[in-house]
C-alpha atoms as a PDB file:
ATOM      1  CA  MET A   1    -130.768 -52.348 -26.013  1.00  0.00           C
ATOM      2  CA  ARG A   2    -131.254 -52.071 -22.570  1.00  0.00           C
ATOM      3  CA  ALA A   3    -132.084 -55.485 -21.786  1.00  0.00           C
ATOM      4  CA  LYS A   4    -128.961 -56.724 -23.629  1.00  0.00           C
ATOM      5  CA  GLN A   5    -126.956 -54.229 -21.464  1.00  0.00           C
ATOM      6  CA  MET A   6    -128.529 -55.786 -18.240  1.00  0.00           C
ATOM      7  CA  ARG A   7    -127.828 -59.561 -19.510  1.00  0.00           C
ATOM      8  CA  GLN A   8    -124.159 -58.520 -20.135  1.00  0.00           C
ATOM      9  CA  GLY A   9    -123.988 -56.796 -16.636  1.00  0.00           C
ATOM     10  CA  ILE A  10    -125.492 -60.116 -15.023  1.00  0.00           C
ATOM     11  CA  LEU A  11    -123.197 -62.240 -17.111  1.00  0.00           C
ATOM     12  CA  ILE A  12    -120.181 -59.969 -16.034  1.00  0.00           C
ATOM     13  CA  GLY A  13    -121.232 -60.271 -12.616  1.00  0.00           C
ATOM     14  CA  ILE A  14    -121.491 -64.008 -12.659  1.00  0.00           C
ATOM     15  CA  THR A  15    -118.022 -64.386 -14.241  1.00  0.00           C
ATOM     16  CA  VAL A  16    -116.725 -62.219 -11.744  1.00  0.00           C
ATOM     17  CA  LEU A  17    -118.385 -64.296  -9.019  1.00  0.00           C
ATOM     18  CA  VAL A  18    -117.254 -67.598 -10.351  1.00  0.00           C
ATOM     19  CA  ALA A  19    -113.525 -66.259 -10.946  1.00  0.00           C
ATOM     20  CA  CYS A  20    -113.604 -65.103  -7.126  1.00  0.00           C
ATOM     21  CA  TRP A  21    -114.667 -68.701  -6.293  1.00  0.00           C
ATOM     22  CA  LEU A  22    -112.096 -70.371  -8.403  1.00  0.00           C
ATOM     23  CA  MET A  23    -109.391 -67.906  -6.821  1.00  0.00           C
ATOM     24  CA  TRP A  24    -110.560 -69.178  -3.417  1.00  0.00           C
ATOM     25  CA  LEU A  25    -110.281 -72.831  -4.476  1.00  0.00           C
ATOM     26  CA  ILE A  26    -106.902 -72.305  -5.824  1.00  0.00           C
ATOM     27  CA  TRP A  27    -105.836 -70.364  -2.861  1.00  0.00           C
ATOM     28  CA  GLY A  28    -107.008 -73.181  -0.747  1.00  0.00           C
ATOM     29  CA  LEU A  29    -105.157 -76.028  -3.013  1.00  0.00           C
ATOM     30  CA  ILE A  30    -101.894 -73.925  -2.415  1.00  0.00           C
ATOM     31  CA  GLY A  31    -102.119 -73.891   1.134  1.00  0.00           C
ATOM     32  CA  LYS A  32    -102.632 -77.590   1.298  1.00  0.00           C
ATOM     33  CA  ALA A  33     -99.638 -77.936  -1.122  1.00  0.00           C
ATOM     34  CA  GLN A  34     -97.460 -76.260   1.290  1.00  0.00           C
ATOM     35  CA  ILE A  35     -98.795 -78.192   4.234  1.00  0.00           C
ATOM     36  CA  ALA A  36     -98.146 -81.549   2.395  1.00  0.00           C
ATOM     37  CA  VAL A  37     -94.743 -80.482   1.349  1.00  0.00           C
ATOM     38  CA  SER A  38     -93.795 -79.470   4.838  1.00  0.00           C
ATOM     39  CA  GLU A  39     -95.032 -83.062   6.098  1.00  0.00           C
ATOM     40  CA  ALA A  40     -93.316 -84.886   3.463  1.00  0.00           C
ATOM     41  CA  ARG A  41     -89.876 -82.884   4.875  1.00  0.00           C
ATOM     42  CA  ASP A  42     -90.831 -84.017   8.163  1.00  0.00           C
ATOM     43  CA  ALA A  43     -91.619 -87.698   7.416  1.00  0.00           C
ATOM     44  CA  GLN A  44     -88.000 -87.677   5.495  1.00  0.00           C
ATOM     45  CA  ARG A  45     -86.321 -86.133   8.155  1.00  0.00           C
ATOM     46  CA  GLN A  46     -87.884 -88.882  10.835  1.00  0.00           C
ATOM     47  CA  TYR A  47     -87.149 -91.750   8.408  1.00  0.00           C
ATOM     48  CA  LYS A  48     -83.382 -90.533   8.599  1.00  0.00           C
ATOM     49  CA  GLU A  49     -83.272 -90.531  12.129  1.00  0.00           C
ATOM     50  CA  LEU A  50     -84.957 -93.830  12.667  1.00  0.00           C
ATOM     51  CA  GLU A  51     -82.496 -95.196   9.739  1.00  0.00           C
ATOM     52  CA  GLY A  52     -79.582 -94.165  11.919  1.00  0.00           C
ATOM     53  CA  ARG A  53     -81.133 -95.372  15.261  1.00  0.00           C
ATOM     54  CA  LYS A  54     -81.683 -98.847  13.089  1.00  0.00           C
ATOM     55  CA  GLN A  55     -77.921 -99.037  12.445  1.00  0.00           C
ATOM     56  CA  SER A  56     -77.156 -97.830  15.978  1.00  0.00           C
ATOM     57  CA  LEU A  57     -79.368-100.837  17.124  1.00  0.00           C
ATOM     58  CA  GLU A  58     -78.077-103.338  14.765  1.00  0.00           C
ATOM     59  CA  ALA A  59     -74.341-102.577  15.983  1.00  0.00           C
ATOM     60  CA  ASN A  60     -75.261-102.959  19.575  1.00  0.00           C
ATOM     61  CA  LEU A  61     -77.165-106.273  18.726  1.00  0.00           C
ATOM     62  CA  SER A  62     -74.267-107.761  16.821  1.00  0.00           C
ATOM     63  CA  ALA A  63     -71.929-106.907  19.783  1.00  0.00           C
ATOM     64  CA  LEU A  64     -74.105-108.414  21.944  1.00  0.00           C
ATOM     65  CA  ASN A  65     -73.900-111.715  19.682  1.00  0.00           C
ATOM     66  CA  THR A  66     -70.224-111.896  21.042  1.00  0.00           C
ATOM     67  CA  ASP A  67     -69.259-113.516  24.498  1.00  0.00           C
ATOM     68  CA  ARG A  68     -67.134-110.601  24.964  1.00  0.00           C
ATOM     69  CA  GLY A  69     -70.080-108.080  24.233  1.00  0.00           C
ATOM     70  CA  ARG A  70     -72.640-109.962  26.608  1.00  0.00           C
ATOM     71  CA  ASP A  71     -69.744-110.172  29.167  1.00  0.00           C
ATOM     72  CA  ALA A  72     -69.089-106.285  28.990  1.00  0.00           C
ATOM     73  CA  VAL A  73     -72.678-105.651  29.285  1.00  0.00           C
ATOM     74  CA  MET A  74     -73.307-107.833  32.255  1.00  0.00           C
ATOM     75  CA  ARG A  75     -70.234-106.072  34.063  1.00  0.00           C
ATOM     76  CA  THR A  76     -71.577-102.479  33.281  1.00  0.00           C
ATOM     77  CA  THR A  77     -75.243-103.277  34.025  1.00  0.00           C
ATOM     78  CA  PHE A  78     -74.854-105.646  37.220  1.00  0.00           C
ATOM     79  CA  GLY A  79     -71.640-104.622  38.669  1.00  0.00           C
ATOM     80  CA  VAL A  80     -70.482-108.190  38.291  1.00  0.00           C
ATOM     81  CA  ALA A  81     -66.674-109.017  38.264  1.00  0.00           C
ATOM     82  CA  LYS A  82     -64.943-112.515  37.122  1.00  0.00           C
ATOM     83  CA  PRO A  83     -63.584-114.746  39.702  1.00  0.00           C
ATOM     84  CA  GLY A  84     -60.290-113.396  41.117  1.00  0.00           C
ATOM     85  CA  GLU A  85     -60.751-109.981  40.046  1.00  0.00           C
ATOM     86  CA  GLU A  86     -60.588-107.284  42.867  1.00  0.00           C
ATOM     87  CA  VAL A  87     -62.514-103.671  43.146  1.00  0.00           C
ATOM     88  CA  VAL A  88     -60.014-100.887  42.682  1.00  0.00           C
ATOM     89  CA  VAL A  89     -61.359 -97.630  44.597  1.00  0.00           C
ATOM     90  CA  VAL A  90     -59.450 -94.544  43.783  1.00  0.00           C
ATOM     91  CA  VAL A  91     -59.803 -91.784  46.213  1.00  0.00           C
ATOM     92  CA  PRO A  92     -58.882 -88.076  45.499  1.00  0.00           C
ATOM     93  CA  PRO A  93     -56.369 -86.891  48.055  1.00  0.00           C
ATOM     94  CA  ALA A  94     -58.060 -84.623  50.924  1.00  0.00           C
ATOM     95  CA  THR A  95     -57.748 -80.924  50.138  1.00  0.00           C
ATOM     96  CA  ALA A  96     -55.902 -79.367  53.325  1.00  0.00           C
ATOM     97  CA  THR A  97     -58.232 -76.530  54.511  1.00  0.00           C
ATOM     98  CA  PRO A  98     -56.168 -73.723  56.057  1.00  0.00           C
ATOM     99  CA  THR A  99     -57.099 -72.824  59.196  1.00  0.00           C
ATOM    100  CA  THR A 100     -57.060 -69.184  60.202  1.00  0.00           C
ATOM    101  CA  THR A 101     -57.936 -67.805  63.444  1.00  0.00           C
ATOM    102  CA  SER A 102     -60.120 -64.843  63.446  1.00  0.00           C
ATOM    103  CA  SER A 103     -59.380 -61.497  65.272  1.00  0.00           C
ATOM    104  CA  TRP A 104     -61.514 -60.624  68.534  1.00  0.00           C
ATOM    105  CA  TRP A 105     -62.990 -58.207  66.581  1.00  0.00           C
ATOM    106  CA  GLN A 106     -64.493 -60.781  63.744  1.00  0.00           C
ATOM    107  CA  ARG A 107     -65.464 -62.853  66.699  1.00  0.00           C
ATOM    108  CA  ILE A 108     -67.539 -59.988  68.332  1.00  0.00           C
ATOM    109  CA  LEU A 109     -69.209 -59.215  64.871  1.00  0.00           C
ATOM    110  CA  ASN A 110     -70.087 -62.942  64.007  1.00  0.00           C
ATOM    111  CA  TRP A 111     -72.450 -62.742  67.252  1.00  0.00           C
ATOM    112  CA  PHE A 112     -74.675 -60.073  65.257  1.00  0.00           C
END
């Protein structure tokens, strides 16, 4: 009877150890699954950003395939003008600064 109880105790101990080991493995799998899900979301977000950039670049390419588009890029990039065109420079009006004369007392204080 004593041997039977000892065998049952050993089996229960081994069962508990195996259960703990399995729980630890499951916990690790859950962590890896969470990492995989977050990485998949990041990859989808990056894919959407790249798709938007691809559409933008395709629109730019289609604009560059026209004479008008090439002309606009040349003008903005290299500052080129067509024959007969002139450059107009708009200068803002000079702001008048009020001239005030300081008192004799202020001039003495400015020395220090």
